[in-house]
């Protein structure tokens, strides 16, 4: 995996999301997903939220990757996994109901634009910075991940949930 691969997969996910929104109709958005308790509309929001997490985590990954305090940080977050999962579920329920599909698409576009801008400024050294992650929060979080891995994580998360949509 390199910067170009990650850039391409981010673009492909954004294009795919736009197609999903274009294809969705009110009835299909209300349908349950395969393997989650969310509707398609709520899961679409959750898929966008995965990229919001990536964008939000980037400054933290840079700082903790430089100072080396990420092991304690990850352990603390792992200890809080139960409240996280409740908030994650309810937040996506609410976000999926509050944002229209068009607003979700606009949020995806804005989030991806920010991720692309940041990725374009990364150096080889900054992409190699590593921090520990709370593995109890998400199956795609590894015990230690580089900044480049974090950029890739968003698409792993997206593709996992993409398979659960029933649109």
N, C-alpha and C. Protein backbone atom coordinates (compact mmCIF):
# COMPACT_ATOMS: atom_id res chain seq x y z
N UNK A 1 0.85 -1.17 0.00
CA UNK A 1 0.00 0.00 0.00
C UNK A 1 0.89 1.24 0.00
N UNK A 2 0.60 2.17 -0.89
CA UNK A 2 1.34 3.43 -0.93
C UNK A 2 0.35 4.59 -1.11
N UNK A 3 0.88 5.80 -1.14
CA UNK A 3 0.03 7.00 -1.23
C UNK A 3 -0.88 6.94 -2.46
N UNK A 4 -0.35 6.54 -3.59
CA UNK A 4 -1.14 6.50 -4.82
C UNK A 4 -2.28 5.48 -4.70
N UNK A 5 -2.00 4.32 -4.13
CA UNK A 5 -3.05 3.31 -3.92
C UNK A 5 -4.16 3.86 -3.04
N UNK A 6 -3.76 4.51 -1.95
CA UNK A 6 -4.75 5.06 -1.02
C UNK A 6 -5.55 6.17 -1.69
N UNK A 7 -4.90 7.02 -2.44
CA UNK A 7 -5.60 8.09 -3.17
C UNK A 7 -6.63 7.50 -4.11
N UNK A 8 -6.25 6.47 -4.84
CA UNK A 8 -7.19 5.84 -5.78
C UNK A 8 -8.36 5.19 -5.06
N UNK A 9 -8.09 4.49 -3.96
CA UNK A 9 -9.20 3.83 -3.27
C UNK A 9 -10.14 4.85 -2.64
N UNK A 10 -9.61 5.98 -2.19
CA UNK A 10 -10.48 7.04 -1.66
C UNK A 10 -11.38 7.60 -2.75
N UNK A 11 -10.82 7.82 -3.93
CA UNK A 11 -11.64 8.33 -5.05
C UNK A 11 -12.71 7.32 -5.45
N UNK A 12 -12.33 6.04 -5.49
CA UNK A 12 -13.30 5.00 -5.86
C UNK A 12 -14.43 4.92 -4.84
N UNK A 13 -14.12 5.01 -3.56
CA UNK A 13 -15.16 4.97 -2.53
C UNK A 13 -16.09 6.17 -2.66
N UNK A 14 -15.53 7.34 -2.92
CA UNK A 14 -16.35 8.54 -3.06
C UNK A 14 -17.28 8.42 -4.27
N UNK A 15 -16.76 7.91 -5.36
CA UNK A 15 -17.59 7.71 -6.56
C UNK A 15 -18.68 6.68 -6.29
N UNK A 16 -18.31 5.60 -5.62
CA UNK A 16 -19.28 4.56 -5.28
C UNK A 16 -20.37 5.12 -4.38
N UNK A 17 -20.00 5.91 -3.39
CA UNK A 17 -20.98 6.48 -2.48
C UNK A 17 -21.96 7.37 -3.26
N UNK A 18 -21.44 8.16 -4.16
CA UNK A 18 -22.30 9.03 -4.96
C UNK A 18 -23.30 8.19 -5.77
N UNK A 19 -22.83 7.09 -6.36
CA UNK A 19 -23.71 6.20 -7.11
C UNK A 19 -24.79 5.59 -6.21
N UNK A 20 -24.38 5.19 -5.00
CA UNK A 20 -25.35 4.62 -4.05
C UNK A 20 -26.45 5.63 -3.72
N UNK A 21 -26.05 6.86 -3.46
CA UNK A 21 -27.03 7.91 -3.14
C UNK A 21 -27.95 8.15 -4.33
N UNK A 22 -27.39 8.19 -5.54
CA UNK A 22 -28.21 8.40 -6.73
C UNK A 22 -29.21 7.26 -6.94
N UNK A 23 -28.81 6.05 -6.60
CA UNK A 23 -29.63 4.86 -6.84
C UNK A 23 -30.68 4.66 -5.75
N UNK A 24 -30.43 5.18 -4.57
CA UNK A 24 -31.33 4.94 -3.43
C UNK A 24 -32.65 5.68 -3.62
N UNK A 25 -33.71 5.04 -3.16
CA UNK A 25 -35.01 5.70 -3.14
C UNK A 25 -35.53 5.63 -1.70
N UNK A 26 -36.55 6.38 -1.38
CA UNK A 26 -37.03 6.40 0.02
C UNK A 26 -37.32 5.01 0.59
N UNK A 27 -37.89 4.14 -0.22
CA UNK A 27 -38.21 2.79 0.27
C UNK A 27 -36.93 2.00 0.56
N UNK A 28 -35.96 2.03 -0.34
CA UNK A 28 -34.73 1.26 -0.13
C UNK A 28 -33.93 1.81 1.05
N UNK A 29 -34.03 3.10 1.30
CA UNK A 29 -33.31 3.70 2.43
C UNK A 29 -33.89 3.24 3.78
N UNK A 30 -35.18 2.90 3.80
CA UNK A 30 -35.81 2.43 5.03
C UNK A 30 -35.60 0.94 5.28
N UNK A 31 -35.11 0.20 4.30
CA UNK A 31 -34.93 -1.25 4.43
C UNK A 31 -33.81 -1.57 5.41
N UNK A 32 -33.94 -2.71 6.10
CA UNK A 32 -32.85 -3.13 6.99
C UNK A 32 -31.62 -3.55 6.19
N UNK A 33 -30.49 -3.47 6.83
CA UNK A 33 -29.24 -3.90 6.21
C UNK A 33 -29.00 -5.38 6.54
N UNK A 34 -27.98 -5.93 5.94
CA UNK A 34 -27.62 -7.32 6.17
C UNK A 34 -26.52 -7.39 7.22
N UNK A 35 -26.88 -7.77 8.44
CA UNK A 35 -25.88 -7.96 9.48
C UNK A 35 -25.71 -6.81 10.45
N UNK A 36 -26.54 -5.77 10.35
CA UNK A 36 -26.50 -4.68 11.33
C UNK A 36 -27.94 -4.40 11.78
N UNK A 37 -28.07 -3.57 12.79
CA UNK A 37 -29.39 -3.14 13.25
C UNK A 37 -29.82 -1.83 12.59
N UNK A 38 -29.00 -1.30 11.69
CA UNK A 38 -29.29 -0.05 11.02
C UNK A 38 -30.12 -0.28 9.77
N UNK A 39 -30.80 0.79 9.35
CA UNK A 39 -31.41 0.81 8.02
C UNK A 39 -30.32 1.18 7.02
N UNK A 40 -30.62 1.06 5.74
CA UNK A 40 -29.66 1.47 4.72
C UNK A 40 -29.27 2.94 4.88
N UNK A 41 -30.23 3.77 5.19
CA UNK A 41 -29.96 5.21 5.35
C UNK A 41 -28.99 5.45 6.52
N UNK A 42 -29.23 4.78 7.63
CA UNK A 42 -28.35 4.93 8.80
C UNK A 42 -26.96 4.37 8.51
N UNK A 43 -26.88 3.27 7.79
CA UNK A 43 -25.58 2.70 7.47
C UNK A 43 -24.81 3.58 6.49
N UNK A 44 -25.51 4.20 5.56
CA UNK A 44 -24.83 5.15 4.66
C UNK A 44 -24.18 6.27 5.47
N UNK A 45 -24.91 6.79 6.44
CA UNK A 45 -24.32 7.83 7.29
C UNK A 45 -23.09 7.28 8.02
N UNK A 46 -23.21 6.07 8.56
CA UNK A 46 -22.10 5.46 9.29
C UNK A 46 -20.87 5.30 8.39
N UNK A 47 -21.09 5.01 7.13
CA UNK A 47 -19.97 4.86 6.19
C UNK A 47 -19.25 6.20 5.99
N UNK A 48 -20.00 7.27 5.91
CA UNK A 48 -19.40 8.61 5.84
C UNK A 48 -18.66 8.90 7.15
N UNK A 49 -19.29 8.55 8.25
CA UNK A 49 -18.70 8.81 9.57
C UNK A 49 -17.34 8.13 9.72
N UNK A 50 -17.16 6.97 9.10
CA UNK A 50 -15.86 6.31 9.14
C UNK A 50 -14.75 7.20 8.59
N UNK A 51 -15.04 7.90 7.51
CA UNK A 51 -14.05 8.83 6.95
C UNK A 51 -13.90 10.08 7.81
N UNK A 52 -14.96 10.49 8.47
CA UNK A 52 -14.85 11.62 9.40
C UNK A 52 -13.90 11.24 10.54
N UNK A 53 -14.00 10.01 11.00
CA UNK A 53 -13.09 9.53 12.05
C UNK A 53 -11.65 9.58 11.56
N UNK A 54 -11.41 9.14 10.34
CA UNK A 54 -10.05 9.19 9.78
C UNK A 54 -9.54 10.62 9.78
N UNK A 55 -10.34 11.52 9.29
CA UNK A 55 -9.92 12.93 9.21
C UNK A 55 -9.66 13.50 10.61
N UNK A 56 -10.48 13.14 11.57
CA UNK A 56 -10.34 13.62 12.93
C UNK A 56 -9.13 13.02 13.63
N UNK A 57 -8.85 11.75 13.33
CA UNK A 57 -7.74 11.05 13.99
C UNK A 57 -6.37 11.46 13.46
N UNK A 58 -6.31 12.04 12.29
CA UNK A 58 -5.00 12.35 11.68
C UNK A 58 -4.10 13.22 12.56
N UNK A 59 -4.58 14.34 13.07
CA UNK A 59 -3.69 15.14 13.92
C UNK A 59 -3.23 14.36 15.16
N UNK A 60 -4.13 13.58 15.73
CA UNK A 60 -3.79 12.78 16.89
C UNK A 60 -2.74 11.72 16.55
N UNK A 61 -2.90 11.08 15.40
CA UNK A 61 -1.92 10.06 14.96
C UNK A 61 -0.55 10.69 14.77
N UNK A 62 -0.51 11.89 14.25
CA UNK A 62 0.78 12.57 14.08
C UNK A 62 1.44 12.90 15.43
N UNK A 63 0.64 13.45 16.33
CA UNK A 63 1.19 13.83 17.63
C UNK A 63 1.61 12.60 18.43
N UNK A 64 0.71 11.65 18.58
CA UNK A 64 1.03 10.46 19.38
C UNK A 64 2.11 9.62 18.71
N UNK A 65 2.14 9.63 17.38
CA UNK A 65 3.20 8.92 16.68
C UNK A 65 4.57 9.52 16.95
N UNK A 66 4.61 10.81 17.18
CA UNK A 66 5.89 11.48 17.46
C UNK A 66 6.32 11.34 18.92
N UNK A 67 5.36 11.44 19.85
CA UNK A 67 5.75 11.44 21.26
C UNK A 67 5.70 10.06 21.90
N UNK A 68 5.04 9.10 21.25
CA UNK A 68 5.07 7.73 21.74
C UNK A 68 4.19 7.41 22.92
N UNK A 69 3.12 8.15 23.15
CA UNK A 69 2.22 7.86 24.26
C UNK A 69 0.97 7.13 23.81
N UNK A 70 0.98 6.58 22.66
CA UNK A 70 -0.25 6.02 22.12
C UNK A 70 -0.67 4.70 22.77
N UNK A 71 0.24 3.95 23.37
CA UNK A 71 -0.14 2.68 23.99
C UNK A 71 -1.15 2.91 25.12
N UNK A 72 -0.88 3.90 25.98
CA UNK A 72 -1.81 4.22 27.07
C UNK A 72 -3.14 4.74 26.53
N UNK A 73 -3.05 5.56 25.51
CA UNK A 73 -4.25 6.11 24.88
C UNK A 73 -5.13 4.99 24.35
N UNK A 74 -4.55 4.04 23.62
CA UNK A 74 -5.30 2.92 23.07
C UNK A 74 -5.88 2.05 24.18
N UNK A 75 -5.12 1.83 25.24
CA UNK A 75 -5.61 1.02 26.36
C UNK A 75 -6.82 1.69 27.02
N UNK A 76 -6.75 3.01 27.17
CA UNK A 76 -7.88 3.74 27.76
C UNK A 76 -9.11 3.63 26.87
N UNK A 77 -8.93 3.81 25.57
CA UNK A 77 -10.07 3.70 24.66
C UNK A 77 -10.62 2.28 24.63
N UNK A 78 -9.75 1.28 24.68
CA UNK A 78 -10.23 -0.11 24.73
C UNK A 78 -11.08 -0.34 25.97
N UNK A 79 -10.68 0.25 27.09
CA UNK A 79 -11.45 0.09 28.33
C UNK A 79 -12.84 0.72 28.21
N UNK A 80 -12.97 1.69 27.33
CA UNK A 80 -14.24 2.39 27.13
C UNK A 80 -15.02 1.86 25.92
N UNK A 81 -14.74 0.64 25.51
CA UNK A 81 -15.36 0.14 24.28
C UNK A 81 -16.88 0.00 24.37
N UNK A 82 -17.42 -0.34 25.52
CA UNK A 82 -18.88 -0.49 25.62
C UNK A 82 -19.61 0.85 25.39
N UNK A 83 -19.23 1.91 26.10
CA UNK A 83 -19.91 3.19 25.80
C UNK A 83 -19.67 3.64 24.36
N UNK A 84 -18.47 3.37 23.82
CA UNK A 84 -18.20 3.74 22.43
C UNK A 84 -19.19 3.07 21.49
N UNK A 85 -19.41 1.77 21.66
CA UNK A 85 -20.30 1.06 20.75
C UNK A 85 -21.74 1.57 20.84
N UNK A 86 -22.17 1.94 22.02
CA UNK A 86 -23.51 2.52 22.17
C UNK A 86 -23.60 3.86 21.46
N UNK A 87 -22.61 4.71 21.70
CA UNK A 87 -22.59 6.03 21.06
C UNK A 87 -22.47 5.90 19.55
N UNK A 88 -21.62 4.99 19.09
CA UNK A 88 -21.43 4.75 17.67
C UNK A 88 -22.76 4.33 17.02
N UNK A 89 -23.46 3.41 17.68
CA UNK A 89 -24.74 2.94 17.13
C UNK A 89 -25.78 4.06 17.11
N UNK A 90 -25.98 4.68 18.26
CA UNK A 90 -27.01 5.72 18.35
C UNK A 90 -26.67 6.94 17.50
N UNK A 91 -25.39 7.28 17.43
CA UNK A 91 -24.98 8.41 16.60
C UNK A 91 -25.29 8.19 15.13
N UNK A 92 -25.08 6.96 14.67
CA UNK A 92 -25.40 6.67 13.27
C UNK A 92 -26.90 6.59 13.04
N UNK A 93 -27.64 6.13 14.06
CA UNK A 93 -29.11 6.17 13.95
C UNK A 93 -29.57 7.61 13.77
N UNK A 94 -29.07 8.48 14.62
CA UNK A 94 -29.47 9.89 14.57
C UNK A 94 -28.98 10.57 13.29
N UNK A 95 -27.70 10.39 12.99
CA UNK A 95 -27.14 11.02 11.79
C UNK A 95 -27.86 10.58 10.53
N UNK A 96 -28.19 9.29 10.47
CA UNK A 96 -28.90 8.77 9.31
C UNK A 96 -30.30 9.32 9.17
N UNK A 97 -30.92 9.69 10.29
CA UNK A 97 -32.26 10.24 10.23
C UNK A 97 -32.25 11.75 10.02
N UNK A 98 -31.24 12.42 10.55
CA UNK A 98 -31.21 13.88 10.48
C UNK A 98 -30.70 14.40 9.13
N UNK A 99 -29.76 13.67 8.54
CA UNK A 99 -29.19 14.13 7.27
C UNK A 99 -29.90 13.46 6.10
N UNK A 100 -30.27 14.25 5.14
CA UNK A 100 -30.85 13.69 3.91
C UNK A 100 -29.73 13.00 3.13
N UNK A 101 -30.09 12.13 2.21
CA UNK A 101 -29.05 11.51 1.38
C UNK A 101 -28.18 12.55 0.66
N UNK A 102 -28.79 13.61 0.20
CA UNK A 102 -28.02 14.66 -0.47
C UNK A 102 -27.02 15.32 0.46
N UNK A 103 -27.43 15.56 1.71
CA UNK A 103 -26.51 16.15 2.70
C UNK A 103 -25.39 15.17 3.05
N UNK A 104 -25.73 13.86 3.11
CA UNK A 104 -24.69 12.86 3.36
C UNK A 104 -23.66 12.87 2.23
N UNK A 105 -24.14 12.99 1.00
CA UNK A 105 -23.23 13.03 -0.16
C UNK A 105 -22.34 14.27 -0.08
N UNK A 106 -22.93 15.40 0.28
CA UNK A 106 -22.14 16.63 0.42
C UNK A 106 -21.12 16.50 1.55
N UNK A 107 -21.51 15.86 2.65
CA UNK A 107 -20.59 15.64 3.76
C UNK A 107 -19.46 14.71 3.34
N UNK A 108 -19.79 13.68 2.58
CA UNK A 108 -18.75 12.77 2.07
C UNK A 108 -17.78 13.54 1.19
N UNK A 109 -18.30 14.39 0.30
CA UNK A 109 -17.43 15.16 -0.59
C UNK A 109 -16.51 16.09 0.20
N UNK A 110 -17.05 16.79 1.18
CA UNK A 110 -16.25 17.71 1.98
C UNK A 110 -15.20 16.96 2.80
N UNK A 111 -15.60 15.84 3.38
CA UNK A 111 -14.66 15.04 4.18
C UNK A 111 -13.54 14.51 3.31
N UNK A 112 -13.89 13.97 2.16
CA UNK A 112 -12.87 13.43 1.25
C UNK A 112 -11.94 14.53 0.74
N UNK A 113 -12.48 15.70 0.48
CA UNK A 113 -11.63 16.81 0.03
C UNK A 113 -10.58 17.13 1.10
N UNK A 114 -11.00 17.15 2.35
CA UNK A 114 -10.06 17.40 3.45
C UNK A 114 -9.02 16.29 3.57
N UNK A 115 -9.45 15.06 3.42
CA UNK A 115 -8.51 13.93 3.50
C UNK A 115 -7.51 14.01 2.36
N UNK A 116 -7.98 14.29 1.15
CA UNK A 116 -7.07 14.39 0.00
C UNK A 116 -6.06 15.53 0.17
N UNK A 117 -6.53 16.67 0.68
CA UNK A 117 -5.61 17.80 0.91
C UNK A 117 -4.52 17.40 1.90
N UNK A 118 -4.91 16.75 2.97
CA UNK A 118 -3.93 16.36 3.99
C UNK A 118 -2.99 15.30 3.45
N UNK A 119 -3.52 14.31 2.76
CA UNK A 119 -2.69 13.24 2.20
C UNK A 119 -1.65 13.81 1.23
N UNK A 120 -2.03 14.81 0.46
CA UNK A 120 -1.11 15.42 -0.51
C UNK A 120 0.07 16.10 0.17
N UNK A 121 -0.09 16.52 1.41
CA UNK A 121 0.99 17.23 2.11
C UNK A 121 1.86 16.31 2.96
N UNK A 122 1.48 15.04 3.08
CA UNK A 122 2.24 14.10 3.91
C UNK A 122 3.60 13.82 3.30
N UNK A 123 4.58 13.68 4.15
CA UNK A 123 5.92 13.26 3.73
C UNK A 123 6.04 11.75 3.96
N UNK A 124 7.08 11.17 3.41
CA UNK A 124 7.32 9.74 3.66
C UNK A 124 7.46 9.49 5.16
N UNK A 125 8.12 10.41 5.85
CA UNK A 125 8.30 10.27 7.29
C UNK A 125 7.00 10.37 8.07
N UNK A 126 6.14 11.30 7.68
CA UNK A 126 4.87 11.43 8.40
C UNK A 126 3.93 10.26 8.12
N UNK A 127 3.97 9.72 6.91
CA UNK A 127 3.15 8.55 6.60
C UNK A 127 3.59 7.31 7.36
N UNK A 128 4.86 7.29 7.77
CA UNK A 128 5.40 6.14 8.49
C UNK A 128 5.19 6.23 10.00
N UNK A 129 4.78 7.41 10.51
CA UNK A 129 4.53 7.52 11.96
C UNK A 129 3.53 6.46 12.39
N UNK A 130 3.76 5.88 13.55
CA UNK A 130 2.91 4.78 14.02
C UNK A 130 2.36 5.09 15.40
N UNK A 131 1.11 4.68 15.61
CA UNK A 131 0.50 4.79 16.93
C UNK A 131 -0.31 3.53 17.20
N UNK A 132 -0.62 3.30 18.46
CA UNK A 132 -1.46 2.17 18.85
C UNK A 132 -2.92 2.56 18.74
N UNK A 133 -3.77 1.58 18.43
CA UNK A 133 -5.20 1.82 18.25
C UNK A 133 -6.01 0.91 19.14
N UNK A 134 -7.24 1.34 19.47
CA UNK A 134 -8.13 0.52 20.31
C UNK A 134 -8.78 -0.60 19.48
N UNK A 135 -8.20 -1.77 19.52
CA UNK A 135 -8.67 -2.88 18.68
C UNK A 135 -10.07 -3.37 19.05
N UNK A 136 -10.55 -3.02 20.23
CA UNK A 136 -11.91 -3.43 20.62
C UNK A 136 -12.97 -2.49 20.02
N UNK A 137 -12.53 -1.43 19.38
CA UNK A 137 -13.47 -0.48 18.80
C UNK A 137 -13.88 -0.90 17.39
N UNK A 138 -12.97 -1.50 16.66
CA UNK A 138 -13.24 -1.79 15.26
C UNK A 138 -12.35 -2.95 14.82
N UNK A 139 -12.90 -3.90 14.07
CA UNK A 139 -12.08 -5.04 13.65
C UNK A 139 -10.96 -4.67 12.68
N UNK A 140 -11.04 -3.50 12.09
CA UNK A 140 -9.99 -3.09 11.15
C UNK A 140 -8.89 -2.26 11.81
N UNK A 141 -9.06 -1.93 13.08
CA UNK A 141 -7.97 -1.31 13.82
C UNK A 141 -6.98 -2.40 14.21
N UNK A 142 -5.74 -2.18 13.88
CA UNK A 142 -4.67 -3.09 14.27
C UNK A 142 -4.03 -2.55 15.54
N UNK A 143 -3.32 -3.39 16.30
CA UNK A 143 -2.70 -2.90 17.54
C UNK A 143 -1.81 -1.67 17.31
N UNK A 144 -1.10 -1.64 16.21
CA UNK A 144 -0.30 -0.47 15.84
C UNK A 144 -0.49 -0.22 14.35
N UNK A 145 -0.73 1.04 14.00
CA UNK A 145 -0.96 1.40 12.61
C UNK A 145 -0.18 2.66 12.27
N UNK A 146 0.32 2.70 11.04
CA UNK A 146 0.98 3.90 10.56
C UNK A 146 -0.07 4.91 10.11
N UNK A 147 0.36 6.12 9.87
CA UNK A 147 -0.54 7.15 9.34
C UNK A 147 -1.09 6.68 8.00
N UNK A 148 -0.27 6.07 7.16
CA UNK A 148 -0.74 5.54 5.89
C UNK A 148 -1.80 4.46 6.11
N UNK A 149 -1.60 3.60 7.11
CA UNK A 149 -2.60 2.59 7.45
C UNK A 149 -3.92 3.23 7.85
N UNK A 150 -3.85 4.34 8.57
CA UNK A 150 -5.07 5.04 9.00
C UNK A 150 -5.83 5.58 7.79
N UNK A 151 -5.12 6.14 6.82
CA UNK A 151 -5.80 6.58 5.60
C UNK A 151 -6.51 5.39 4.93
N UNK A 152 -5.85 4.26 4.89
CA UNK A 152 -6.42 3.06 4.27
C UNK A 152 -7.59 2.50 5.08
N UNK A 153 -7.52 2.62 6.39
CA UNK A 153 -8.57 2.10 7.28
C UNK A 153 -9.96 2.59 6.85
N UNK A 154 -10.06 3.86 6.50
CA UNK A 154 -11.36 4.41 6.13
C UNK A 154 -12.03 3.61 5.03
N UNK A 155 -11.25 3.19 4.05
CA UNK A 155 -11.82 2.43 2.94
C UNK A 155 -12.09 0.98 3.34
N UNK A 156 -11.27 0.42 4.21
CA UNK A 156 -11.58 -0.92 4.72
C UNK A 156 -12.93 -0.90 5.44
N UNK A 157 -13.13 0.09 6.27
CA UNK A 157 -14.39 0.26 6.99
C UNK A 157 -15.54 0.45 6.01
N UNK A 158 -15.33 1.31 5.02
CA UNK A 158 -16.36 1.59 4.01
C UNK A 158 -16.74 0.30 3.27
N UNK A 159 -15.75 -0.43 2.79
CA UNK A 159 -16.03 -1.63 2.00
C UNK A 159 -16.72 -2.71 2.83
N UNK A 160 -16.36 -2.82 4.10
CA UNK A 160 -17.03 -3.78 4.98
C UNK A 160 -18.53 -3.48 5.04
N UNK A 161 -18.85 -2.23 5.31
CA UNK A 161 -20.25 -1.85 5.43
C UNK A 161 -20.95 -1.78 4.07
N UNK A 162 -20.21 -1.52 3.03
CA UNK A 162 -20.80 -1.50 1.68
C UNK A 162 -21.44 -2.85 1.37
N UNK A 163 -20.79 -3.92 1.81
CA UNK A 163 -21.31 -5.27 1.58
C UNK A 163 -22.59 -5.54 2.38
N UNK A 164 -22.86 -4.75 3.39
CA UNK A 164 -24.04 -4.96 4.24
C UNK A 164 -25.26 -4.18 3.76
N UNK A 165 -25.06 -3.27 2.83
CA UNK A 165 -26.20 -2.51 2.30
C UNK A 165 -27.10 -3.43 1.49
N UNK A 166 -28.39 -3.12 1.50
CA UNK A 166 -29.36 -3.89 0.71
C UNK A 166 -30.06 -3.00 -0.30
N UNK A 167 -29.40 -1.93 -0.69
CA UNK A 167 -29.97 -1.00 -1.69
C UNK A 167 -29.89 -1.66 -3.06
